[in-house]
Amino acid sequence: MVTLADARRVIAAAEKKAGEIGQPMNIAIADGGGNIVAHVRMDGAWIGSIDISQKKAYTSRAFDISTKDLASHSQSGGQFFGIHASNNGKIMICAGGIPLKKDGKVQGAIGVSGGSGDQDHAVAEAGAAAF
């Protein structure tokens, strides 16, 4: 279970990393059911990335995989090709979503959007490490 206190701690770590790389981000935390527990839009972050960050968190939790890894499997000819069209358009297949695990079990996920794929993933990793 991801509590609000957990979400705030994860967001704080992700915000710190985003600040270090100089890229404002949207950071969303989902619980075990894929529901958003908390979201932050850093000053200057794109408003279009609000929805994307939340969908990355949902996707990562729904399939218990990083969205970066899912993206590599969902390209033309890949085993998950077309998955982005499932779940009423809630699936994001670009880097920035990472499951949040405790004792090897997925408890929720973080979704980050606002920079390049590498930046989004790095910020999500920093947040996930704080979980």
C-alpha atoms as a PDB file:
ATOM      1  CA  MET A   1       0.000   0.000   0.000  1.00  0.00           C
ATOM      2  CA  VAL A   2       1.269   3.434  -0.912  1.00  0.00           C
ATOM      3  CA  THR A   3       0.347   5.971   1.750  1.00  0.00           C
ATOM      4  CA  LEU A   4       0.241   9.721   1.300  1.00  0.00           C
ATOM      5  CA  ALA A   5       3.394   9.949   3.417  1.00  0.00           C
ATOM      6  CA  ASP A   6       5.101   7.481   1.059  1.00  0.00           C
ATOM      7  CA  ALA A   7       3.937   9.478  -1.951  1.00  0.00           C
ATOM      8  CA  ARG A   8       5.251  12.733  -0.504  1.00  0.00           C
ATOM      9  CA  ARG A   9       8.657  11.146   0.211  1.00  0.00           C
ATOM     10  CA  VAL A  10       8.901   9.717  -3.309  1.00  0.00           C
ATOM     11  CA  ILE A  11       7.835  13.016  -4.867  1.00  0.00           C
ATOM     12  CA  ALA A  12      10.383  14.947  -2.801  1.00  0.00           C
ATOM     13  CA  ALA A  13      13.217  12.700  -4.011  1.00  0.00           C
ATOM     14  CA  ALA A  14      12.022  12.985  -7.614  1.00  0.00           C
ATOM     15  CA  GLU A  15      11.705  16.772  -7.348  1.00  0.00           C
ATOM     16  CA  LYS A  16      15.250  16.962  -6.009  1.00  0.00           C
ATOM     17  CA  LYS A  17      16.576  15.024  -9.007  1.00  0.00           C
ATOM     18  CA  ALA A  18      14.547  17.139 -11.442  1.00  0.00           C
ATOM     19  CA  GLY A  19      16.031  20.241  -9.842  1.00  0.00           C
ATOM     20  CA  GLU A  20      19.545  18.834 -10.171  1.00  0.00           C
ATOM     21  CA  ILE A  21      19.115  18.264 -13.895  1.00  0.00           C
ATOM     22  CA  GLY A  22      17.321  21.580 -14.351  1.00  0.00           C
ATOM     23  CA  GLN A  23      14.121  20.132 -15.825  1.00  0.00           C
ATOM     24  CA  PRO A  24      10.718  20.888 -14.255  1.00  0.00           C
ATOM     25  CA  MET A  25       8.538  17.775 -14.153  1.00  0.00           C
ATOM     26  CA  ASN A  26       5.102  16.450 -13.431  1.00  0.00           C
ATOM     27  CA  ILE A  27       5.355  13.636 -10.890  1.00  0.00           C
ATOM     28  CA  ALA A  28       2.474  11.278 -10.130  1.00  0.00           C
ATOM     29  CA  ILE A  29       2.254   8.479  -7.584  1.00  0.00           C
ATOM     30  CA  ALA A  30      -0.258   5.653  -7.946  1.00  0.00           C
ATOM     31  CA  ASP A  31      -1.310   3.120  -5.334  1.00  0.00           C
ATOM     32  CA  GLY A  32      -1.625  -0.632  -5.797  1.00  0.00           C
ATOM     33  CA  GLY A  33      -4.903  -0.191  -7.668  1.00  0.00           C
ATOM     34  CA  GLY A  34      -3.392   2.295 -10.099  1.00  0.00           C
ATOM     35  CA  ASN A  35      -5.225   5.231  -8.488  1.00  0.00           C
ATOM     36  CA  ILE A  36      -3.397   8.529  -8.082  1.00  0.00           C
ATOM     37  CA  VAL A  37      -2.389   9.191  -4.476  1.00  0.00           C
ATOM     38  CA  ALA A  38      -0.508  12.436  -5.174  1.00  0.00           C
ATOM     39  CA  HIS A  39       0.647  14.574  -8.067  1.00  0.00           C
ATOM     40  CA  VAL A  40       2.970  17.561  -8.287  1.00  0.00           C
ATOM     41  CA  ARG A  41       3.484  19.911 -11.203  1.00  0.00           C
ATOM     42  CA  MET A  42       6.751  21.698 -10.641  1.00  0.00           C
ATOM     43  CA  ASP A  43       6.888  25.377 -11.548  1.00  0.00           C
ATOM     44  CA  GLY A  44       7.359  25.653 -15.297  1.00  0.00           C
ATOM     45  CA  ALA A  45       6.464  22.032 -16.098  1.00  0.00           C
ATOM     46  CA  TRP A  46       4.284  21.499 -19.147  1.00  0.00           C
ATOM     47  CA  ILE A  47       0.559  21.229 -18.466  1.00  0.00           C
ATOM     48  CA  GLY A  48       0.328  18.601 -21.211  1.00  0.00           C
ATOM     49  CA  SER A  49       2.542  16.368 -19.115  1.00  0.00           C
ATOM     50  CA  ILE A  50       0.117  16.232 -16.182  1.00  0.00           C
ATOM     51  CA  ASP A  51      -2.001  13.587 -17.893  1.00  0.00           C
ATOM     52  CA  ILE A  52       1.063  11.783 -19.257  1.00  0.00           C
ATOM     53  CA  SER A  53       2.700  11.459 -15.819  1.00  0.00           C
ATOM     54  CA  GLN A  54      -0.491  10.040 -14.347  1.00  0.00           C
ATOM     55  CA  LYS A  55      -0.886   7.564 -17.202  1.00  0.00           C
ATOM     56  CA  LYS A  56       2.744   6.474 -16.861  1.00  0.00           C
ATOM     57  CA  ALA A  57       2.132   5.703 -13.176  1.00  0.00           C
ATOM     58  CA  TYR A  58      -1.040   3.781 -14.065  1.00  0.00           C
ATOM     59  CA  THR A  59       0.687   1.845 -16.860  1.00  0.00           C
ATOM     60  CA  SER A  60       3.638   0.894 -14.711  1.00  0.00           C
ATOM     61  CA  ARG A  61       1.337  -0.404 -11.976  1.00  0.00           C
ATOM     62  CA  ALA A  62      -1.132  -2.064 -14.346  1.00  0.00           C
ATOM     63  CA  PHE A  63       1.612  -4.195 -15.896  1.00  0.00           C
ATOM     64  CA  ASP A  64       4.212  -4.133 -13.072  1.00  0.00           C
ATOM     65  CA  ILE A  65       6.942  -3.056 -15.473  1.00  0.00           C
ATOM     66  CA  SER A  66       8.797   0.150 -16.164  1.00  0.00           C
ATOM     67  CA  THR A  67       7.269   2.028 -19.064  1.00  0.00           C
ATOM     68  CA  LYS A  68      10.754   2.190 -20.576  1.00  0.00           C
ATOM     69  CA  ASP A  69      10.883  -1.607 -20.718  1.00  0.00           C
ATOM     70  CA  LEU A  70       7.290  -1.841 -21.927  1.00  0.00           C
ATOM     71  CA  ALA A  71       8.132   0.592 -24.727  1.00  0.00           C
ATOM     72  CA  SER A  72      10.901  -1.641 -26.012  1.00  0.00           C
ATOM     73  CA  HIS A  73       8.500  -4.627 -26.146  1.00  0.00           C
ATOM     74  CA  SER A  74       5.668  -2.696 -27.796  1.00  0.00           C
ATOM     75  CA  GLN A  75       7.385  -1.646 -31.007  1.00  0.00           C
ATOM     76  CA  SER A  76       6.264  -3.059 -34.344  1.00  0.00           C
ATOM     77  CA  GLY A  77       6.921  -6.795 -34.272  1.00  0.00           C
ATOM     78  CA  GLY A  78       7.313  -6.835 -30.482  1.00  0.00           C
ATOM     79  CA  GLN A  79       5.348  -9.086 -28.172  1.00  0.00           C
ATOM     80  CA  PHE A  80       3.229  -6.189 -26.854  1.00  0.00           C
ATOM     81  CA  PHE A  81       2.737  -4.299 -30.124  1.00  0.00           C
ATOM     82  CA  GLY A  82      -0.554  -2.397 -29.941  1.00  0.00           C
ATOM     83  CA  ILE A  83      -0.797  -2.419 -26.138  1.00  0.00           C
ATOM     84  CA  HIS A  84      -0.976   1.392 -26.106  1.00  0.00           C
ATOM     85  CA  ALA A  85      -4.476   1.128 -27.581  1.00  0.00           C
ATOM     86  CA  SER A  86      -5.757  -0.899 -24.618  1.00  0.00           C
ATOM     87  CA  ASN A  87      -7.320   0.296 -21.370  1.00  0.00           C
ATOM     88  CA  ASN A  88      -9.261   3.123 -23.026  1.00  0.00           C
ATOM     89  CA  GLY A  89      -6.107   4.977 -24.001  1.00  0.00           C
ATOM     90  CA  LYS A  90      -4.576   4.999 -20.503  1.00  0.00           C
ATOM     91  CA  ILE A  91      -1.416   3.137 -21.544  1.00  0.00           C
ATOM     92  CA  MET A  92       1.796   5.137 -22.005  1.00  0.00           C
ATOM     93  CA  ILE A  93       4.698   3.425 -23.728  1.00  0.00           C
ATOM     94  CA  CYS A  94       7.485   5.894 -23.137  1.00  0.00           C
ATOM     95  CA  ALA A  95      10.075   6.116 -20.356  1.00  0.00           C
ATOM     96  CA  GLY A  96       9.192   7.635 -16.995  1.00  0.00           C
ATOM     97  CA  GLY A  97       7.028   5.071 -15.186  1.00  0.00           C
ATOM     98  CA  ILE A  98       8.505   2.696 -12.595  1.00  0.00           C
ATOM     99  CA  PRO A  99       6.827   0.277 -10.169  1.00  0.00           C
ATOM    100  CA  LEU A 100       7.283   0.984  -6.466  1.00  0.00           C
ATOM    101  CA  LYS A 101       8.282  -2.223  -4.663  1.00  0.00           C
ATOM    102  CA  LYS A 102       8.646  -3.346  -1.052  1.00  0.00           C
ATOM    103  CA  ASP A 103      10.013  -6.776  -0.265  1.00  0.00           C
ATOM    104  CA  GLY A 104       9.882  -7.615  -3.966  1.00  0.00           C
ATOM    105  CA  LYS A 105       6.151  -6.893  -4.272  1.00  0.00           C
ATOM    106  CA  VAL A 106       4.714  -4.047  -6.326  1.00  0.00           C
ATOM    107  CA  GLN A 107       2.843  -1.597  -4.104  1.00  0.00           C
ATOM    108  CA  GLY A 108       2.241   1.209  -6.597  1.00  0.00           C
ATOM    109  CA  ALA A 109       4.140   3.235  -9.177  1.00  0.00           C
ATOM    110  CA  ILE A 110       5.663   6.587 -10.030  1.00  0.00           C
ATOM    111  CA  GLY A 111       5.088   8.371 -13.326  1.00  0.00           C
ATOM    112  CA  VAL A 112       7.207  11.321 -14.472  1.00  0.00           C
ATOM    113  CA  SER A 113       6.824  13.523 -17.544  1.00  0.00           C
ATOM    114  CA  GLY A 114       8.272  16.809 -18.689  1.00  0.00           C
ATOM    115  CA  GLY A 115      11.666  16.129 -20.192  1.00  0.00           C
ATOM    116  CA  SER A 116      13.335  13.678 -22.526  1.00  0.00           C
ATOM    117  CA  GLY A 117      12.723   9.985 -21.987  1.00  0.00           C
ATOM    118  CA  ASP A 118      16.100   9.633 -20.305  1.00  0.00           C
ATOM    119  CA  GLN A 119      15.368  12.577 -17.997  1.00  0.00           C
ATOM    120  CA  ASP A 120      11.900  11.281 -17.118  1.00  0.00           C
ATOM    121  CA  HIS A 121      13.305   7.834 -16.323  1.00  0.00           C
ATOM    122  CA  ALA A 122      16.161   9.231 -14.210  1.00  0.00           C
ATOM    123  CA  VAL A 123      13.754  11.332 -12.136  1.00  0.00           C
ATOM    124  CA  ALA A 124      11.412   8.354 -11.726  1.00  0.00           C
ATOM    125  CA  GLU A 125      14.355   6.175 -10.619  1.00  0.00           C
ATOM    126  CA  ALA A 126      15.312   8.741  -7.980  1.00  0.00           C
ATOM    127  CA  GLY A 127      11.765   8.777  -6.679  1.00  0.00           C
ATOM    128  CA  ALA A 128      11.436   4.988  -6.698  1.00  0.00           C
ATOM    129  CA  ALA A 129      14.699   4.674  -4.752  1.00  0.00           C
ATOM    130  CA  ALA A 130      13.122   6.716  -1.947  1.00  0.00           C
ATOM    131  CA  PHE A 131      10.237   4.260  -1.618  1.00  0.00           C
END
